[in-house]
Amino acid sequence: MGAHTHFGNGESVGAASRVVRPGIITLGFAVLIFLIVRLAMGPEDAGWIAALGSLGVGLLIIGYFLPDPEEVGNVEVIGLLKVERLKRLEKGLSQVSKAAFRGILGSHERSHLRKLNKQEADIVHYQSGLQTECERLEALGYLQATDKSRGLQALRDEMGNKEGFALAKYARITPDGKEYLRLYDQVAPP
């Protein structure tokens, strides 16, 4: 999975790392041991001591924290597992979103919004549920009555009309209603 990168001579980075890392760590310890032996033999110049100490500590830090390509490969595998887990979580959230969007509005309410958004033919027949559905859509902020004084009560004028009428005569879709339809179609397409 890309854990080994090959040099021109065929030696892999993983094999080189198995020699380089322990070599750097050994060299760091050797420098520190040399420094301790020199200090035990007598006083030394402070600059020389600081330089050797810094070199030894630096080599140890580099040796211990130098990334091993094989470990990086393992991190890639762990990263892929996390990506797969995130994809499963995202799929689950998508299913929850679909259920939530389907549950917020019924099919008749969505149809009313689609008619007002000119996605369906805008002819409806007055039924007892029409008034309630439109009032609920208005309460949710998805549609607005066109008659400012009577509001959606003006729909009652069409009671008994057998021919049907244009819903847009009494209501219009709001920007929130358009956004709901856009999101619904994106998340829960028909």
Protein backbone atom coordinates (compact mmCIF):
# COMPACT_ATOMS: atom_id res chain seq x y z
CA MET A 1 0.00 0.00 0.00
CA GLY A 2 2.90 2.35 -0.59
CA ALA A 3 4.77 1.50 2.59
CA HIS A 4 8.01 0.96 0.67
CA THR A 5 9.45 3.50 -1.71
CA HIS A 6 12.39 2.22 -3.74
CA PHE A 7 15.59 4.07 -4.47
CA GLY A 8 17.39 3.60 -7.79
CA ASN A 9 19.62 0.86 -6.35
CA GLY A 10 16.63 -1.28 -5.31
CA GLU A 11 16.98 -0.62 -1.57
CA SER A 12 13.67 0.28 0.01
CA VAL A 13 13.17 3.20 2.37
CA GLY A 14 11.94 0.75 5.03
CA ALA A 15 15.24 -1.19 4.87
CA ALA A 16 17.31 2.00 4.95
CA SER A 17 15.29 3.23 7.90
CA ARG A 18 16.03 0.04 9.84
CA VAL A 19 19.73 0.91 9.61
CA VAL A 20 19.62 4.72 9.73
CA ARG A 21 17.38 5.20 12.78
CA PRO A 22 19.30 2.84 15.09
CA GLY A 23 22.57 4.29 13.75
CA ILE A 24 21.52 7.86 14.59
CA ILE A 25 20.35 6.79 18.05
CA THR A 26 23.60 4.89 18.69
CA LEU A 27 25.65 7.88 17.52
CA GLY A 28 23.65 10.15 19.84
CA PHE A 29 24.33 7.90 22.82
CA ALA A 30 28.01 7.62 21.81
CA VAL A 31 28.35 11.41 21.74
CA LEU A 32 26.71 11.72 25.17
CA ILE A 33 28.94 8.93 26.60
CA PHE A 34 32.00 10.62 25.13
CA LEU A 35 30.86 13.90 26.74
CA ILE A 36 30.42 12.21 30.14
CA VAL A 37 33.87 10.55 29.90
CA ARG A 38 35.49 13.88 28.94
CA LEU A 39 33.80 15.64 31.85
CA ALA A 40 34.96 12.91 34.25
CA MET A 41 38.56 13.40 33.10
CA GLY A 42 38.66 17.03 34.10
CA PRO A 43 37.29 20.48 33.42
CA GLU A 44 36.59 21.37 29.81
CA ASP A 45 35.70 24.45 27.85
CA ALA A 46 31.98 25.33 28.35
CA GLY A 47 31.44 25.88 24.59
CA TRP A 48 32.79 22.45 23.78
CA ILE A 49 30.54 20.84 26.41
CA ALA A 50 27.45 22.67 25.14
CA ALA A 51 28.17 21.74 21.52
CA LEU A 52 28.69 18.05 22.30
CA GLY A 53 25.61 17.96 24.57
CA SER A 54 23.46 19.62 21.92
CA LEU A 55 24.76 17.27 19.23
CA GLY A 56 24.06 14.18 21.33
CA VAL A 57 20.57 15.28 22.35
CA GLY A 58 19.79 16.39 18.79
CA LEU A 59 20.84 13.02 17.37
CA LEU A 60 18.70 11.19 19.91
CA ILE A 61 15.67 13.35 19.14
CA ILE A 62 16.11 12.90 15.39
CA GLY A 63 16.63 9.15 15.83
CA TYR A 64 13.55 8.67 17.95
CA PHE A 65 11.24 10.95 15.98
CA LEU A 66 12.43 10.24 12.44
CA PRO A 67 9.36 8.85 10.71
CA ASP A 68 9.62 5.24 9.67
CA PRO A 69 8.07 4.80 6.20
CA GLU A 70 6.53 1.51 7.32
CA GLU A 71 4.85 3.33 10.20
CA VAL A 72 3.69 6.01 7.76
CA GLY A 73 2.18 3.19 5.70
CA ASN A 74 0.35 2.01 8.82
CA VAL A 75 -0.90 5.53 9.38
CA GLU A 76 -2.19 5.49 5.79
CA VAL A 77 -4.06 2.26 6.53
CA ILE A 78 -5.49 3.73 9.73
CA GLY A 79 -6.41 6.86 7.74
CA LEU A 80 -8.21 4.72 5.15
CA LEU A 81 -10.13 2.97 7.94
CA LYS A 82 -11.13 6.37 9.33
CA VAL A 83 -12.21 7.49 5.87
CA GLU A 84 -14.34 4.33 5.50
CA ARG A 85 -15.83 4.93 8.94
CA LEU A 86 -16.59 8.55 8.02
CA LYS A 87 -18.21 7.39 4.76
CA ARG A 88 -20.44 4.96 6.70
CA LEU A 89 -21.33 7.73 9.15
CA GLU A 90 -22.05 10.11 6.28
CA LYS A 91 -24.28 7.50 4.61
CA GLY A 92 -26.16 7.01 7.88
CA LEU A 93 -26.64 10.75 8.28
CA SER A 94 -27.85 10.94 4.70
CA GLN A 95 -30.48 8.30 5.43
CA VAL A 96 -31.56 10.18 8.56
CA SER A 97 -31.75 13.40 6.53
CA LYS A 98 -33.94 11.70 3.94
CA ALA A 99 -36.28 10.41 6.61
CA ALA A 100 -36.40 13.82 8.28
CA PHE A 101 -37.11 15.64 5.01
CA ARG A 102 -39.82 13.16 4.08
CA GLY A 103 -41.40 13.56 7.51
CA ILE A 104 -41.43 17.36 7.66
CA LEU A 105 -43.96 17.80 4.86
CA GLY A 106 -46.46 15.37 3.45
CA SER A 107 -46.64 14.62 -0.25
CA HIS A 108 -49.66 16.94 -0.73
CA GLU A 109 -47.84 19.82 0.97
CA ARG A 110 -44.75 19.27 -1.19
CA SER A 111 -47.00 19.14 -4.25
CA HIS A 112 -48.49 22.54 -3.32
CA LEU A 113 -44.98 24.00 -3.06
CA ARG A 114 -44.00 22.45 -6.39
CA LYS A 115 -47.09 23.95 -8.02
CA LEU A 116 -46.26 27.38 -6.63
CA ASN A 117 -42.67 26.93 -7.77
CA LYS A 118 -43.95 26.09 -11.28
CA GLN A 119 -42.57 22.54 -11.15
CA GLU A 120 -46.07 21.07 -11.54
CA ALA A 121 -49.32 22.24 -13.12
CA ASP A 122 -50.83 24.84 -10.79
CA ILE A 123 -54.42 23.59 -10.69
CA VAL A 124 -55.92 22.38 -7.40
CA HIS A 125 -59.42 21.47 -6.22
CA TYR A 126 -60.72 22.84 -2.97
CA GLN A 127 -60.90 20.11 -0.35
CA SER A 128 -61.01 20.28 3.42
CA GLY A 129 -57.30 19.39 3.65
CA LEU A 130 -56.17 22.09 1.23
CA GLN A 131 -56.88 24.90 3.68
CA THR A 132 -55.08 23.10 6.56
CA GLU A 133 -52.09 22.15 4.39
CA CYS A 134 -51.62 25.69 3.11
CA GLU A 135 -51.97 27.14 6.63
CA ARG A 136 -49.29 24.73 7.86
CA LEU A 137 -46.99 25.69 4.97
CA GLU A 138 -47.56 29.35 5.84
CA ALA A 139 -46.79 28.67 9.52
CA LEU A 140 -43.52 26.99 8.49
CA GLY A 141 -42.65 30.02 6.36
CA TYR A 142 -42.77 28.10 3.06
CA LEU A 143 -45.64 30.00 1.47
CA GLN A 144 -47.30 33.36 1.91
CA ALA A 145 -50.89 34.40 1.21
CA THR A 146 -51.28 36.88 -1.64
CA ASP A 147 -54.39 38.48 -0.09
CA LYS A 148 -52.93 40.64 2.70
CA SER A 149 -56.25 41.36 4.43
CA ARG A 150 -57.92 37.90 4.42
CA GLY A 151 -54.82 35.72 4.14
CA LEU A 152 -55.43 32.09 3.27
CA GLN A 153 -59.08 32.40 4.31
CA ALA A 154 -59.59 33.72 0.77
CA LEU A 155 -59.21 30.09 -0.41
CA ARG A 156 -62.73 29.44 0.89
CA ASP A 157 -64.02 31.51 -2.05
CA GLU A 158 -63.26 28.49 -4.23
CA MET A 159 -65.34 26.09 -2.15
CA GLY A 160 -67.64 24.21 -4.51
CA ASN A 161 -65.59 25.06 -7.64
CA LYS A 162 -65.69 21.84 -9.64
CA GLU A 163 -63.30 23.04 -12.36
CA GLY A 164 -60.28 23.63 -10.15
CA PHE A 165 -58.28 26.81 -9.78
CA ALA A 166 -54.70 28.12 -9.73
CA LEU A 167 -53.27 27.99 -6.22
CA ALA A 168 -50.97 30.89 -7.18
CA LYS A 169 -54.06 33.13 -7.13
CA TYR A 170 -54.11 32.79 -3.32
CA ALA A 171 -50.53 31.99 -2.29
CA ARG A 172 -46.93 32.30 -3.40
CA ILE A 173 -43.85 30.29 -2.45
CA THR A 174 -41.28 32.01 -0.23
CA PRO A 175 -37.50 31.78 -0.58
CA ASP A 176 -37.53 29.33 2.37
CA GLY A 177 -40.05 27.19 0.49
CA LYS A 178 -37.82 27.16 -2.59
CA GLU A 179 -34.82 26.24 -0.43
CA TYR A 180 -36.80 23.42 1.18
CA LEU A 181 -37.66 21.99 -2.25
CA ARG A 182 -34.04 22.32 -3.40
CA LEU A 183 -32.74 20.53 -0.31
CA TYR A 184 -35.47 17.92 -0.44
CA ASP A 185 -34.69 17.11 -4.08
CA GLN A 186 -30.99 16.94 -3.24
CA VAL A 187 -31.36 14.74 -0.15
CA ALA A 188 -34.49 12.71 -0.93
CA PRO A 189 -35.04 12.67 -4.69
CA PRO A 190 -38.32 11.14 -5.88
